[in-house]
């Protein structure tokens, strides 16, 4: 009888351990440049590339054939069942000066007013 109870408790213990092993913790995986709208609001037309680098940092992707277009991309792959998150910003230059921005961020009201130098 003692052997039977020991076997039953052993089987119950193994089944409870196997139920716990099906749950795996998965971390969130961020990739790219995390930009906030407050950083985008600092951009002004006619800023130099160096000024944009100072405000936003280096772009994720650069095109060796078109040095006047920078791509900032951010993706967050959720480890849980939450929705994945993606945002991008495309910065366009002309003659080493900021010409336009496009993507998932709003332009500030002051974007078209150059900085006073």
PDB file of N, CA and C in Angstrom:
ATOM      1  N   UNK A   1       0.822  -1.198   0.000  1.00  0.00           N
ATOM      2  CA  UNK A   1       0.000   0.000   0.000  1.00  0.00           C
ATOM      3  C   UNK A   1       0.864   1.258   0.000  1.00  0.00           C
ATOM      4  N   UNK A   2       1.936   1.223   0.772  1.00  0.00           N
ATOM      5  CA  UNK A   2       2.833   2.365   0.838  1.00  0.00           C
ATOM      6  C   UNK A   2       3.481   2.619  -0.521  1.00  0.00           C
ATOM      7  N   UNK A   3       3.823   1.562  -1.241  1.00  0.00           N
ATOM      8  CA  UNK A   3       4.436   1.686  -2.562  1.00  0.00           C
ATOM      9  C   UNK A   3       3.443   2.284  -3.566  1.00  0.00           C
ATOM     10  N   UNK A   4       2.170   1.912  -3.445  1.00  0.00           N
ATOM     11  CA  UNK A   4       1.141   2.421  -4.355  1.00  0.00           C
ATOM     12  C   UNK A   4       0.947   3.934  -4.133  1.00  0.00           C
ATOM     13  N   UNK A   5       0.873   4.358  -2.849  1.00  0.00           N
ATOM     14  CA  UNK A   5       0.718   5.779  -2.545  1.00  0.00           C
ATOM     15  C   UNK A   5       1.925   6.585  -3.014  1.00  0.00           C
ATOM     16  N   UNK A   6       3.112   6.031  -2.840  1.00  0.00           N
ATOM     17  CA  UNK A   6       4.318   6.699  -3.283  1.00  0.00           C
ATOM     18  C   UNK A   6       4.299   6.864  -4.798  1.00  0.00           C
ATOM     19  N   UNK A   7       3.867   5.849  -5.515  1.00  0.00           N
ATOM     20  CA  UNK A   7       3.786   5.901  -6.977  1.00  0.00           C
ATOM     21  C   UNK A   7       2.764   6.941  -7.427  1.00  0.00           C
ATOM     22  N   UNK A   8       1.607   6.976  -6.753  1.00  0.00           N
ATOM     23  CA  UNK A   8       0.562   7.936  -7.116  1.00  0.00           C
ATOM     24  C   UNK A   8       1.064   9.368  -6.894  1.00  0.00           C
ATOM     25  N   UNK A   9       1.677   9.625  -5.743  1.00  0.00           N
ATOM     26  CA  UNK A   9       2.199  10.962  -5.473  1.00  0.00           C
ATOM     27  C   UNK A   9       3.315  11.336  -6.450  1.00  0.00           C
ATOM     28  N   UNK A  10       4.117  10.369  -6.839  1.00  0.00           N
ATOM     29  CA  UNK A  10       5.188  10.615  -7.799  1.00  0.00           C
ATOM     30  C   UNK A  10       4.614  11.004  -9.168  1.00  0.00           C
ATOM     31  N   UNK A  11       3.567  10.294  -9.604  1.00  0.00           N
ATOM     32  CA  UNK A  11       2.930  10.585 -10.895  1.00  0.00           C
ATOM     33  C   UNK A  11       2.259  11.957 -10.850  1.00  0.00           C
ATOM     34  N   UNK A  12       1.590  12.282  -9.751  1.00  0.00           N
ATOM     35  CA  UNK A  12       0.953  13.595  -9.612  1.00  0.00           C
ATOM     36  C   UNK A  12       2.020  14.697  -9.636  1.00  0.00           C
ATOM     37  N   UNK A  13       3.118  14.472  -8.970  1.00  0.00           N
ATOM     38  CA  UNK A  13       4.201  15.454  -8.959  1.00  0.00           C
ATOM     39  C   UNK A  13       4.790  15.665 -10.342  1.00  0.00           C
ATOM     40  N   UNK A  14       4.993  14.594 -11.095  1.00  0.00           N
ATOM     41  CA  UNK A  14       5.526  14.721 -12.449  1.00  0.00           C
ATOM     42  C   UNK A  14       4.549  15.442 -13.372  1.00  0.00           C
ATOM     43  N   UNK A  15       3.258  15.166 -13.225  1.00  0.00           N
ATOM     44  CA  UNK A  15       2.284  15.830 -14.100  1.00  0.00           C
ATOM     45  C   UNK A  15       2.198  17.320 -13.785  1.00  0.00           C
ATOM     46  N   UNK A  16       2.339  17.688 -12.517  1.00  0.00           N
ATOM     47  CA  UNK A  16       2.301  19.113 -12.187  1.00  0.00           C
ATOM     48  C   UNK A  16       3.562  19.816 -12.677  1.00  0.00           C
ATOM     49  N   UNK A  17       4.705  19.153 -12.664  1.00  0.00           N
ATOM     50  CA  UNK A  17       5.930  19.749 -13.188  1.00  0.00           C
ATOM     51  C   UNK A  17       5.873  19.913 -14.698  1.00  0.00           C
ATOM     52  N   UNK A  18       5.277  18.952 -15.376  1.00  0.00           N
ATOM     53  CA  UNK A  18       5.198  19.069 -16.835  1.00  0.00           C
ATOM     54  C   UNK A  18       4.238  20.181 -17.240  1.00  0.00           C
ATOM     55  N   UNK A  19       3.232  20.457 -16.448  1.00  0.00           N
ATOM     56  CA  UNK A  19       2.320  21.570 -16.747  1.00  0.00           C
ATOM     57  C   UNK A  19       3.042  22.906 -16.615  1.00  0.00           C
ATOM     58  N   UNK A  20       3.942  23.016 -15.666  1.00  0.00           N
ATOM     59  CA  UNK A  20       4.690  24.257 -15.489  1.00  0.00           C
ATOM     60  C   UNK A  20       5.720  24.463 -16.590  1.00  0.00           C
ATOM     61  N   UNK A  21       6.236  23.383 -17.133  1.00  0.00           N
ATOM     62  CA  UNK A  21       7.282  23.528 -18.137  1.00  0.00           C
ATOM     63  C   UNK A  21       6.733  24.012 -19.473  1.00  0.00           C
ATOM     64  N   UNK A  22       5.402  23.960 -19.688  1.00  0.00           N
ATOM     65  CA  UNK A  22       4.850  24.456 -20.945  1.00  0.00           C
ATOM     66  C   UNK A  22       4.789  25.988 -20.962  1.00  0.00           C
ATOM     67  N   UNK A  23       4.899  26.620 -19.819  1.00  0.00           N
ATOM     68  CA  UNK A  23       4.896  28.071 -19.739  1.00  0.00           C
ATOM     69  C   UNK A  23       6.332  28.554 -19.827  1.00  0.00           C
ATOM     70  N   UNK A  24       6.629  29.330 -20.849  1.00  0.00           N
ATOM     71  CA  UNK A  24       7.974  29.840 -21.059  1.00  0.00           C
ATOM     72  C   UNK A  24       7.901  31.357 -21.099  1.00  0.00           C
ATOM     73  N   UNK A  25       8.774  32.003 -20.372  1.00  0.00           N
ATOM     74  CA  UNK A  25       8.829  33.462 -20.372  1.00  0.00           C
ATOM     75  C   UNK A  25       9.568  33.919 -21.621  1.00  0.00           C
ATOM     76  N   UNK A  26       8.924  34.800 -22.371  1.00  0.00           N
ATOM     77  CA  UNK A  26       9.545  35.358 -23.571  1.00  0.00           C
ATOM     78  C   UNK A  26       9.678  36.859 -23.393  1.00  0.00           C
ATOM     79  N   UNK A  27      10.868  37.357 -23.665  1.00  0.00           N
ATOM     80  CA  UNK A  27      11.132  38.783 -23.478  1.00  0.00           C
ATOM     81  C   UNK A  27      10.688  39.567 -24.710  1.00  0.00           C
ATOM     82  N   UNK A  28      10.452  40.860 -24.525  1.00  0.00           N
ATOM     83  CA  UNK A  28      10.194  41.762 -25.632  1.00  0.00           C
ATOM     84  C   UNK A  28      11.516  42.028 -26.351  1.00  0.00           C
ATOM     85  N   UNK A  29      11.482  42.076 -27.674  1.00  0.00           N
ATOM     86  CA  UNK A  29      12.694  42.275 -28.456  1.00  0.00           C
ATOM     87  C   UNK A  29      12.588  43.598 -29.215  1.00  0.00           C
ATOM     88  N   UNK A  30      13.274  44.649 -28.722  1.00  0.00           N
ATOM     89  CA  UNK A  30      13.273  45.917 -29.454  1.00  0.00           C
ATOM     90  C   UNK A  30      14.422  45.947 -30.460  1.00  0.00           C
ATOM     91  N   UNK A  31      14.151  46.543 -31.626  1.00  0.00           N
ATOM     92  CA  UNK A  31      15.192  46.680 -32.649  1.00  0.00           C
ATOM     93  C   UNK A  31      15.078  48.052 -33.289  1.00  0.00           C
ATOM     94  N   UNK A  32      16.195  48.680 -33.533  1.00  0.00           N
ATOM     95  CA  UNK A  32      16.213  49.934 -34.253  1.00  0.00           C
ATOM     96  C   UNK A  32      16.336  51.146 -33.360  1.00  0.00           C
ATOM     97  N   UNK A  33      15.933  52.288 -33.910  1.00  0.00           N
ATOM     98  CA  UNK A  33      16.005  53.576 -33.220  1.00  0.00           C
ATOM     99  C   UNK A  33      14.673  53.884 -32.575  1.00  0.00           C
ATOM    100  N   UNK A  34      14.638  53.970 -31.254  1.00  0.00           N
ATOM    101  CA  UNK A  34      13.421  54.404 -30.571  1.00  0.00           C
ATOM    102  C   UNK A  34      13.402  55.924 -30.564  1.00  0.00           C
ATOM    103  N   UNK A  35      12.446  56.502 -31.267  1.00  0.00           N
ATOM    104  CA  UNK A  35      12.322  57.949 -31.350  1.00  0.00           C
ATOM    105  C   UNK A  35      11.013  58.368 -30.690  1.00  0.00           C
ATOM    106  N   UNK A  36      11.053  59.488 -30.012  1.00  0.00           N
ATOM    107  CA  UNK A  36       9.853  60.047 -29.419  1.00  0.00           C
ATOM    108  C   UNK A  36       9.436  61.269 -30.228  1.00  0.00           C
ATOM    109  N   UNK A  37       8.159  61.603 -30.142  1.00  0.00           N
ATOM    110  CA  UNK A  37       7.645  62.743 -30.878  1.00  0.00           C
ATOM    111  C   UNK A  37       8.348  64.036 -30.464  1.00  0.00           C
ATOM    112  N   UNK A  38       8.750  64.133 -29.206  1.00  0.00           N
ATOM    113  CA  UNK A  38       9.447  65.349 -28.754  1.00  0.00           C
ATOM    114  C   UNK A  38      10.780  65.524 -29.476  1.00  0.00           C
ATOM    115  N   UNK A  39      11.433  64.422 -29.874  1.00  0.00           N
ATOM    116  CA  UNK A  39      12.670  64.524 -30.655  1.00  0.00           C
ATOM    117  C   UNK A  39      12.369  64.974 -32.079  1.00  0.00           C
ATOM    118  N   UNK A  40      11.303  64.467 -32.645  1.00  0.00           N
ATOM    119  CA  UNK A  40      10.906  64.847 -34.003  1.00  0.00           C
ATOM    120  C   UNK A  40      10.537  66.327 -34.037  1.00  0.00           C
ATOM    121  N   UNK A  41       9.942  66.821 -32.964  1.00  0.00           N
ATOM    122  CA  UNK A  41       9.536  68.230 -32.901  1.00  0.00           C
ATOM    123  C   UNK A  41      10.729  69.186 -32.917  1.00  0.00           C
ATOM    124  N   UNK A  42      11.924  68.689 -32.637  1.00  0.00           N
ATOM    125  CA  UNK A  42      13.122  69.533 -32.656  1.00  0.00           C
ATOM    126  C   UNK A  42      13.668  69.749 -34.068  1.00  0.00           C
ATOM    127  N   UNK A  43      13.202  68.957 -35.013  1.00  0.00           N
ATOM    128  CA  UNK A  43      13.705  69.065 -36.381  1.00  0.00           C
ATOM    129  C   UNK A  43      13.135  70.298 -37.072  1.00  0.00           C
ATOM    130  N   UNK A  44      13.980  70.956 -37.851  1.00  0.00           N
ATOM    131  CA  UNK A  44      13.589  72.135 -38.634  1.00  0.00           C
ATOM    132  C   UNK A  44      14.170  71.996 -40.033  1.00  0.00           C
ATOM    133  N   UNK A  45      13.455  72.531 -40.994  1.00  0.00           N
ATOM    134  CA  UNK A  45      13.943  72.535 -42.357  1.00  0.00           C
ATOM    135  C   UNK A  45      15.266  73.312 -42.403  1.00  0.00           C
ATOM    136  N   UNK A  46      16.145  72.912 -43.280  1.00  0.00           N
ATOM    137  CA  UNK A  46      17.464  73.513 -43.483  1.00  0.00           C
ATOM    138  C   UNK A  46      18.493  73.136 -42.402  1.00  0.00           C
ATOM    139  N   UNK A  47      18.163  72.223 -41.494  1.00  0.00           N
ATOM    140  CA  UNK A  47      19.178  71.744 -40.541  1.00  0.00           C
ATOM    141  C   UNK A  47      20.206  70.924 -41.311  1.00  0.00           C
ATOM    142  N   UNK A  48      21.446  70.946 -40.859  1.00  0.00           N
ATOM    143  CA  UNK A  48      22.485  70.150 -41.502  1.00  0.00           C
ATOM    144  C   UNK A  48      22.367  68.693 -41.063  1.00  0.00           C
ATOM    145  N   UNK A  49      23.065  67.828 -41.767  1.00  0.00           N
ATOM    146  CA  UNK A  49      23.063  66.406 -41.409  1.00  0.00           C
ATOM    147  C   UNK A  49      23.637  66.197 -40.014  1.00  0.00           C
ATOM    148  N   UNK A  50      24.642  66.972 -39.668  1.00  0.00           N
ATOM    149  CA  UNK A  50      25.250  66.849 -38.339  1.00  0.00           C
ATOM    150  C   UNK A  50      24.256  67.235 -37.241  1.00  0.00           C
ATOM    151  N   UNK A  51      23.448  68.256 -37.500  1.00  0.00           N
ATOM    152  CA  UNK A  51      22.444  68.665 -36.516  1.00  0.00           C
ATOM    153  C   UNK A  51      21.366  67.587 -36.353  1.00  0.00           C
ATOM    154  N   UNK A  52      20.969  66.977 -37.458  1.00  0.00           N
ATOM    155  CA  UNK A  52      19.970  65.903 -37.384  1.00  0.00           C
ATOM    156  C   UNK A  52      20.549  64.695 -36.650  1.00  0.00           C
ATOM    157  N   UNK A  53      21.817  64.388 -36.911  1.00  0.00           N
ATOM    158  CA  UNK A  53      22.476  63.294 -36.184  1.00  0.00           C
ATOM    159  C   UNK A  53      22.505  63.563 -34.684  1.00  0.00           C
ATOM    160  N   UNK A  54      22.724  64.797 -34.319  1.00  0.00           N
ATOM    161  CA  UNK A  54      22.754  65.167 -32.899  1.00  0.00           C
ATOM    162  C   UNK A  54      21.382  64.973 -32.258  1.00  0.00           C
ATOM    163  N   UNK A  55      20.330  65.305 -32.970  1.00  0.00           N
ATOM    164  CA  UNK A  55      18.976  65.211 -32.415  1.00  0.00           C
ATOM    165  C   UNK A  55      18.455  63.773 -32.412  1.00  0.00           C
ATOM    166  N   UNK A  56      18.646  63.051 -33.516  1.00  0.00           N
ATOM    167  CA  UNK A  56      18.036  61.725 -33.670  1.00  0.00           C
ATOM    168  C   UNK A  56      18.999  60.552 -33.498  1.00  0.00           C
ATOM    169  N   UNK A  57      20.282  60.800 -33.630  1.00  0.00           N
ATOM    170  CA  UNK A  57      21.229  59.696 -33.614  1.00  0.00           C
ATOM    171  C   UNK A  57      21.422  59.143 -35.019  1.00  0.00           C
ATOM    172  N   UNK A  58      22.207  58.101 -35.124  1.00  0.00           N
ATOM    173  CA  UNK A  58      22.490  57.503 -36.432  1.00  0.00           C
ATOM    174  C   UNK A  58      21.293  56.705 -36.929  1.00  0.00           C
ATOM    175  N   UNK A  59      21.033  56.762 -38.227  1.00  0.00           N
ATOM    176  CA  UNK A  59      19.914  55.983 -38.770  1.00  0.00           C
ATOM    177  C   UNK A  59      20.232  54.490 -38.778  1.00  0.00           C
ATOM    178  N   UNK A  60      19.188  53.691 -38.769  1.00  0.00           N
ATOM    179  CA  UNK A  60      19.361  52.240 -38.796  1.00  0.00           C
ATOM    180  C   UNK A  60      19.885  51.791 -40.154  1.00  0.00           C
ATOM    181  N   UNK A  61      19.292  52.321 -41.197  1.00  0.00           N
ATOM    182  CA  UNK A  61      19.668  51.891 -42.547  1.00  0.00           C
ATOM    183  C   UNK A  61      20.174  53.078 -43.347  1.00  0.00           C
ATOM    184  N   UNK A  62      21.264  52.870 -44.018  1.00  0.00           N
ATOM    185  CA  UNK A  62      21.769  53.897 -44.924  1.00  0.00           C
ATOM    186  C   UNK A  62      21.921  53.274 -46.301  1.00  0.00           C
ATOM    187  N   UNK A  63      21.678  54.069 -47.303  1.00  0.00           N
ATOM    188  CA  UNK A  63      21.758  53.612 -48.670  1.00  0.00           C
ATOM    189  C   UNK A  63      23.053  54.142 -49.275  1.00  0.00           C
ATOM    190  N   UNK A  64      23.982  53.286 -49.674  1.00  0.00           N
ATOM    191  CA  UNK A  64      25.247  53.773 -50.230  1.00  0.00           C
ATOM    192  C   UNK A  64      25.074  54.498 -51.564  1.00  0.00           C
ATOM    193  N   UNK A  65      23.938  54.299 -52.218  1.00  0.00           N
ATOM    194  CA  UNK A  65      23.693  54.943 -53.506  1.00  0.00           C
ATOM    195  C   UNK A  65      22.902  56.244 -53.372  1.00  0.00           C
ATOM    196  N   UNK A  66      22.300  56.473 -52.196  1.00  0.00           N
ATOM    197  CA  UNK A  66      21.514  57.692 -51.972  1.00  0.00           C
ATOM    198  C   UNK A  66      21.794  58.171 -50.556  1.00  0.00           C
ATOM    199  N   UNK A  67      22.806  58.985 -50.395  1.00  0.00           N
ATOM    200  CA  UNK A  67      23.210  59.464 -49.078  1.00  0.00           C
ATOM    201  C   UNK A  67      22.289  60.568 -48.558  1.00  0.00           C
ATOM    202  N   UNK A  68      21.313  60.981 -49.363  1.00  0.00           N
ATOM    203  CA  UNK A  68      20.414  62.055 -48.961  1.00  0.00           C
ATOM    204  C   UNK A  68      19.099  61.552 -48.371  1.00  0.00           C
ATOM    205  N   UNK A  69      18.963  60.257 -48.184  1.00  0.00           N
ATOM    206  CA  UNK A  69      17.758  59.692 -47.561  1.00  0.00           C
ATOM    207  C   UNK A  69      18.183  58.774 -46.427  1.00  0.00           C
ATOM    208  N   UNK A  70      17.696  59.085 -45.233  1.00  0.00           N
ATOM    209  CA  UNK A  70      17.991  58.265 -44.052  1.00  0.00           C
ATOM    210  C   UNK A  70      16.709  57.615 -43.568  1.00  0.00           C
ATOM    211  N   UNK A  71      16.833  56.366 -43.127  1.00  0.00           N
ATOM    212  CA  UNK A  71      15.685  55.615 -42.628  1.00  0.00           C
ATOM    213  C   UNK A  71      15.895  55.287 -41.155  1.00  0.00           C
ATOM    214  N   UNK A  72      14.983  55.760 -40.337  1.00  0.00           N
ATOM    215  CA  UNK A  72      14.952  55.409 -38.919  1.00  0.00           C
ATOM    216  C   UNK A  72      13.787  54.451 -38.742  1.00  0.00           C
ATOM    217  N   UNK A  73      14.076  53.281 -38.191  1.00  0.00           N
ATOM    218  CA  UNK A  73      13.052  52.247 -38.058  1.00  0.00           C
ATOM    219  C   UNK A  73      13.112  51.677 -36.652  1.00  0.00           C
ATOM    220  N   UNK A  74      11.956  51.460 -36.072  1.00  0.00           N
ATOM    221  CA  UNK A  74      11.887  50.857 -34.743  1.00  0.00           C
ATOM    222  C   UNK A  74      10.813  49.780 -34.752  1.00  0.00           C
ATOM    223  N   UNK A  75      11.143  48.626 -34.221  1.00  0.00           N
ATOM    224  CA  UNK A  75      10.183  47.527 -34.101  1.00  0.00           C
ATOM    225  C   UNK A  75      10.323  46.909 -32.717  1.00  0.00           C
ATOM    226  N   UNK A  76       9.187  46.593 -32.126  1.00  0.00           N
ATOM    227  CA  UNK A  76       9.161  45.901 -30.841  1.00  0.00           C
ATOM    228  C   UNK A  76       8.346  44.637 -31.023  1.00  0.00           C
ATOM    229  N   UNK A  77       9.018  43.494 -30.953  1.00  0.00           N
ATOM    230  CA  UNK A  77       8.338  42.208 -31.049  1.00  0.00           C
ATOM    231  C   UNK A  77       8.017  41.771 -29.639  1.00  0.00           C
ATOM    232  N   UNK A  78       6.739  41.656 -29.366  1.00  0.00           N
ATOM    233  CA  UNK A  78       6.283  41.326 -28.030  1.00  0.00           C
ATOM    234  C   UNK A  78       6.521  39.858 -27.726  1.00  0.00           C
ATOM    235  N   UNK A  79       6.997  39.583 -26.534  1.00  0.00           N
ATOM    236  CA  UNK A  79       7.190  38.211 -26.094  1.00  0.00           C
ATOM    237  C   UNK A  79       5.888  37.561 -25.667  1.00  0.00           C
ATOM    238  N   UNK A  80       4.890  38.365 -25.372  1.00  0.00           N
ATOM    239  CA  UNK A  80       3.583  37.843 -24.995  1.00  0.00           C
ATOM    240  C   UNK A  80       2.632  37.973 -26.177  1.00  0.00           C
ATOM    241  N   UNK A  81       1.370  37.863 -25.935  1.00  0.00           N
ATOM    242  CA  UNK A  81       0.381  37.917 -27.007  1.00  0.00           C
ATOM    243  C   UNK A  81      -0.016  39.335 -27.383  1.00  0.00           C
ATOM    244  N   UNK A  82       0.669  40.333 -26.830  1.00  0.00           N
ATOM    245  CA  UNK A  82       0.345  41.711 -27.182  1.00  0.00           C
ATOM    246  C   UNK A  82       0.713  41.976 -28.636  1.00  0.00           C
ATOM    247  N   UNK A  83       0.209  43.064 -29.152  1.00  0.00           N
ATOM    248  CA  UNK A  83       0.481  43.434 -30.536  1.00  0.00           C
ATOM    249  C   UNK A  83       1.937  43.877 -30.696  1.00  0.00           C
ATOM    250  N   UNK A  84       2.517  43.561 -31.837  1.00  0.00           N
ATOM    251  CA  UNK A  84       3.844  44.064 -32.170  1.00  0.00           C
ATOM    252  C   UNK A  84       3.717  45.541 -32.544  1.00  0.00           C
ATOM    253  N   UNK A  85       4.821  46.273 -32.403  1.00  0.00           N
ATOM    254  CA  UNK A  85       4.819  47.724 -32.582  1.00  0.00           C
ATOM    255  C   UNK A  85       5.895  48.086 -33.587  1.00  0.00           C
ATOM    256  N   UNK A  86       5.535  48.888 -34.597  1.00  0.00           N
ATOM    257  CA  UNK A  86       6.506  49.317 -35.611  1.00  0.00           C
ATOM    258  C   UNK A  86       6.288  50.791 -35.929  1.00  0.00           C
ATOM    259  N   UNK A  87       7.382  51.512 -36.078  1.00  0.00           N
ATOM    260  CA  UNK A  87       7.342  52.915 -36.492  1.00  0.00           C
ATOM    261  C   UNK A  87       8.555  53.203 -37.353  1.00  0.00           C
ATOM    262  N   UNK A  88       8.375  54.106 -38.313  1.00  0.00           N
ATOM    263  CA  UNK A  88       9.499  54.494 -39.155  1.00  0.00           C
ATOM    264  C   UNK A  88       9.468  55.992 -39.421  1.00  0.00           C
ATOM    265  N   UNK A  89      10.634  56.508 -39.701  1.00  0.00           N
ATOM    266  CA  UNK A  89      10.795  57.905 -40.075  1.00  0.00           C
ATOM    267  C   UNK A  89      11.783  57.956 -41.225  1.00  0.00           C
ATOM    268  N   UNK A  90      11.417  58.664 -42.276  1.00  0.00           N
ATOM    269  CA  UNK A  90      12.289  58.841 -43.433  1.00  0.00           C
ATOM    270  C   UNK A  90      12.671  60.314 -43.489  1.00  0.00           C
ATOM    271  N   UNK A  91      13.973  60.566 -43.452  1.00  0.00           N
ATOM    272  CA  UNK A  91      14.500  61.926 -43.455  1.00  0.00           C
ATOM    273  C   UNK A  91      15.180  62.149 -44.802  1.00  0.00           C
ATOM    274  N   UNK A  92      14.797  63.244 -45.465  1.00  0.00           N
ATOM    275  CA  UNK A  92      15.324  63.544 -46.796  1.00  0.00           C
ATOM    276  C   UNK A  92      16.117  64.847 -46.750  1.00  0.00           C
ATOM    277  N   UNK A  93      17.291  64.805 -47.372  1.00  0.00           N
ATOM    278  CA  UNK A  93      18.181  65.965 -47.434  1.00  0.00           C
ATOM    279  C   UNK A  93      18.363  66.408 -48.881  1.00  0.00           C
ATOM    280  N   UNK A  94      18.736  67.664 -49.033  1.00  0.00           N
ATOM    281  CA  UNK A  94      19.146  68.197 -50.323  1.00  0.00           C
ATOM    282  C   UNK A  94      20.280  69.181 -50.068  1.00  0.00           C
ATOM    283  N   UNK A  95      21.405  68.956 -50.715  1.00  0.00           N
ATOM    284  CA  UNK A  95      22.600  69.792 -50.523  1.00  0.00           C
ATOM    285  C   UNK A  95      23.013  69.874 -49.055  1.00  0.00           C
ATOM    286  N   UNK A  96      22.990  68.726 -48.369  1.00  0.00           N
ATOM    287  CA  UNK A  96      23.395  68.611 -46.965  1.00  0.00           C
ATOM    288  C   UNK A  96      22.464  69.352 -46.003  1.00  0.00           C
ATOM    289  N   UNK A  97      21.258  69.719 -46.449  1.00  0.00           N
ATOM    290  CA  UNK A  97      20.277  70.413 -45.604  1.00  0.00           C
ATOM    291  C   UNK A  97      18.992  69.594 -45.550  1.00  0.00           C
ATOM    292  N   UNK A  98      18.350  69.593 -44.387  1.00  0.00           N
ATOM    293  CA  UNK A  98      17.105  68.854 -44.208  1.00  0.00           C
ATOM    294  C   UNK A  98      16.022  69.438 -45.102  1.00  0.00           C
ATOM    295  N   UNK A  99      15.422  68.575 -45.898  1.00  0.00           N
ATOM    296  CA  UNK A  99      14.395  69.008 -46.837  1.00  0.00           C
ATOM    297  C   UNK A  99      13.000  68.616 -46.348  1.00  0.00           C
ATOM    298  N   UNK A 100      12.847  67.351 -45.907  1.00  0.00           N
ATOM    299  CA  UNK A 100      11.523  66.873 -45.521  1.00  0.00           C
ATOM    300  C   UNK A 100      11.656  65.634 -44.642  1.00  0.00           C
ATOM    301  N   UNK A 101      10.588  65.356 -43.892  1.00  0.00           N
ATOM    302  CA  UNK A 101      10.480  64.113 -43.133  1.00  0.00           C
ATOM    303  C   UNK A 101       9.129  63.489 -43.474  1.00  0.00           C
ATOM    304  N   UNK A 102       9.080  62.172 -43.407  1.00  0.00           N
ATOM    305  CA  UNK A 102       7.822  61.465 -43.632  1.00  0.00           C
ATOM    306  C   UNK A 102       7.851  60.183 -42.815  1.00  0.00           C
ATOM    307  N   UNK A 103       6.710  59.566 -42.687  1.00  0.00           N
ATOM    308  CA  UNK A 103       6.617  58.320 -41.939  1.00  0.00           C
ATOM    309  C   UNK A 103       5.502  58.366 -40.921  1.00  0.00           C
ATOM    310  N   UNK A 104       5.723  57.700 -39.800  1.00  0.00           N
ATOM    311  CA  UNK A 104       4.693  57.517 -38.779  1.00  0.00           C
ATOM    312  C   UNK A 104       4.675  58.597 -37.707  1.00  0.00           C
ATOM    313  N   UNK A 105       5.442  59.636 -37.874  1.00  0.00           N
ATOM    314  CA  UNK A 105       5.493  60.720 -36.902  1.00  0.00           C
ATOM    315  C   UNK A 105       4.894  61.986 -37.504  1.00  0.00           C
ATOM    316  N   UNK A 106       4.392  62.846 -36.651  1.00  0.00           N
ATOM    317  CA  UNK A 106       3.817  64.120 -37.088  1.00  0.00           C
ATOM    318  C   UNK A 106       4.919  65.173 -37.205  1.00  0.00           C
ATOM    319  N   UNK A 107       4.808  66.006 -38.221  1.00  0.00           N
ATOM    320  CA  UNK A 107       5.706  67.159 -38.322  1.00  0.00           C
ATOM    321  C   UNK A 107       5.255  68.193 -37.304  1.00  0.00           C
ATOM    322  N   UNK A 108       6.217  68.872 -36.711  1.00  0.00           N
ATOM    323  CA  UNK A 108       5.868  69.941 -35.781  1.00  0.00           C
ATOM    324  C   UNK A 108       5.348  71.143 -36.566  1.00  0.00           C
ATOM    325  N   UNK A 109       4.641  72.007 -35.876  1.00  0.00           N
ATOM    326  CA  UNK A 109       4.132  73.222 -36.516  1.00  0.00           C
ATOM    327  C   UNK A 109       5.275  74.130 -36.973  1.00  0.00           C
ATOM    328  N   UNK A 110       6.409  74.043 -36.284  1.00  0.00           N
ATOM    329  CA  UNK A 110       7.556  74.893 -36.588  1.00  0.00           C
ATOM    330  C   UNK A 110       8.533  74.265 -37.573  1.00  0.00           C
ATOM    331  N   UNK A 111       8.194  73.115 -38.143  1.00  0.00           N
ATOM    332  CA  UNK A 111       9.141  72.405 -39.013  1.00  0.00           C
ATOM    333  C   UNK A 111       9.607  73.275 -40.182  1.00  0.00           C
ATOM    334  N   UNK A 112       8.719  74.033 -40.777  1.00  0.00           N
ATOM    335  CA  UNK A 112       9.060  74.837 -41.962  1.00  0.00           C
ATOM    336  C   UNK A 112       9.731  76.166 -41.643  1.00  0.00           C
ATOM    337  N   UNK A 113      10.008  76.409 -40.377  1.00  0.00           N
ATOM    338  CA  UNK A 113      10.734  77.617 -39.982  1.00  0.00           C
ATOM    339  C   UNK A 113      12.182  77.246 -39.668  1.00  0.00           C
ATOM    340  N   UNK A 114      13.132  77.685 -40.511  1.00  0.00           N
ATOM    341  CA  UNK A 114      14.538  77.340 -40.260  1.00  0.00           C
ATOM    342  C   UNK A 114      15.030  77.905 -38.927  1.00  0.00           C
ATOM    343  N   UNK A 115      16.027  77.237 -38.373  1.00  0.00           N
ATOM    344  CA  UNK A 115      16.667  77.747 -37.163  1.00  0.00           C
ATOM    345  C   UNK A 115      17.444  78.997 -37.494  1.00  0.00           C
ATOM    346  N   UNK A 116      17.497  79.930 -36.568  1.00  0.00           N
ATOM    347  CA  UNK A 116      18.311  81.128 -36.760  1.00  0.00           C
ATOM    348  C   UNK A 116      19.774  80.772 -36.505  1.00  0.00           C
ATOM    349  N   UNK A 117      20.608  81.122 -37.427  1.00  0.00           N
ATOM    350  CA  UNK A 117      22.034  80.783 -37.280  1.00  0.00           C
ATOM    351  C   UNK A 117      22.817  82.033 -36.940  1.00  0.00           C
TER     352      UNK A 117
END
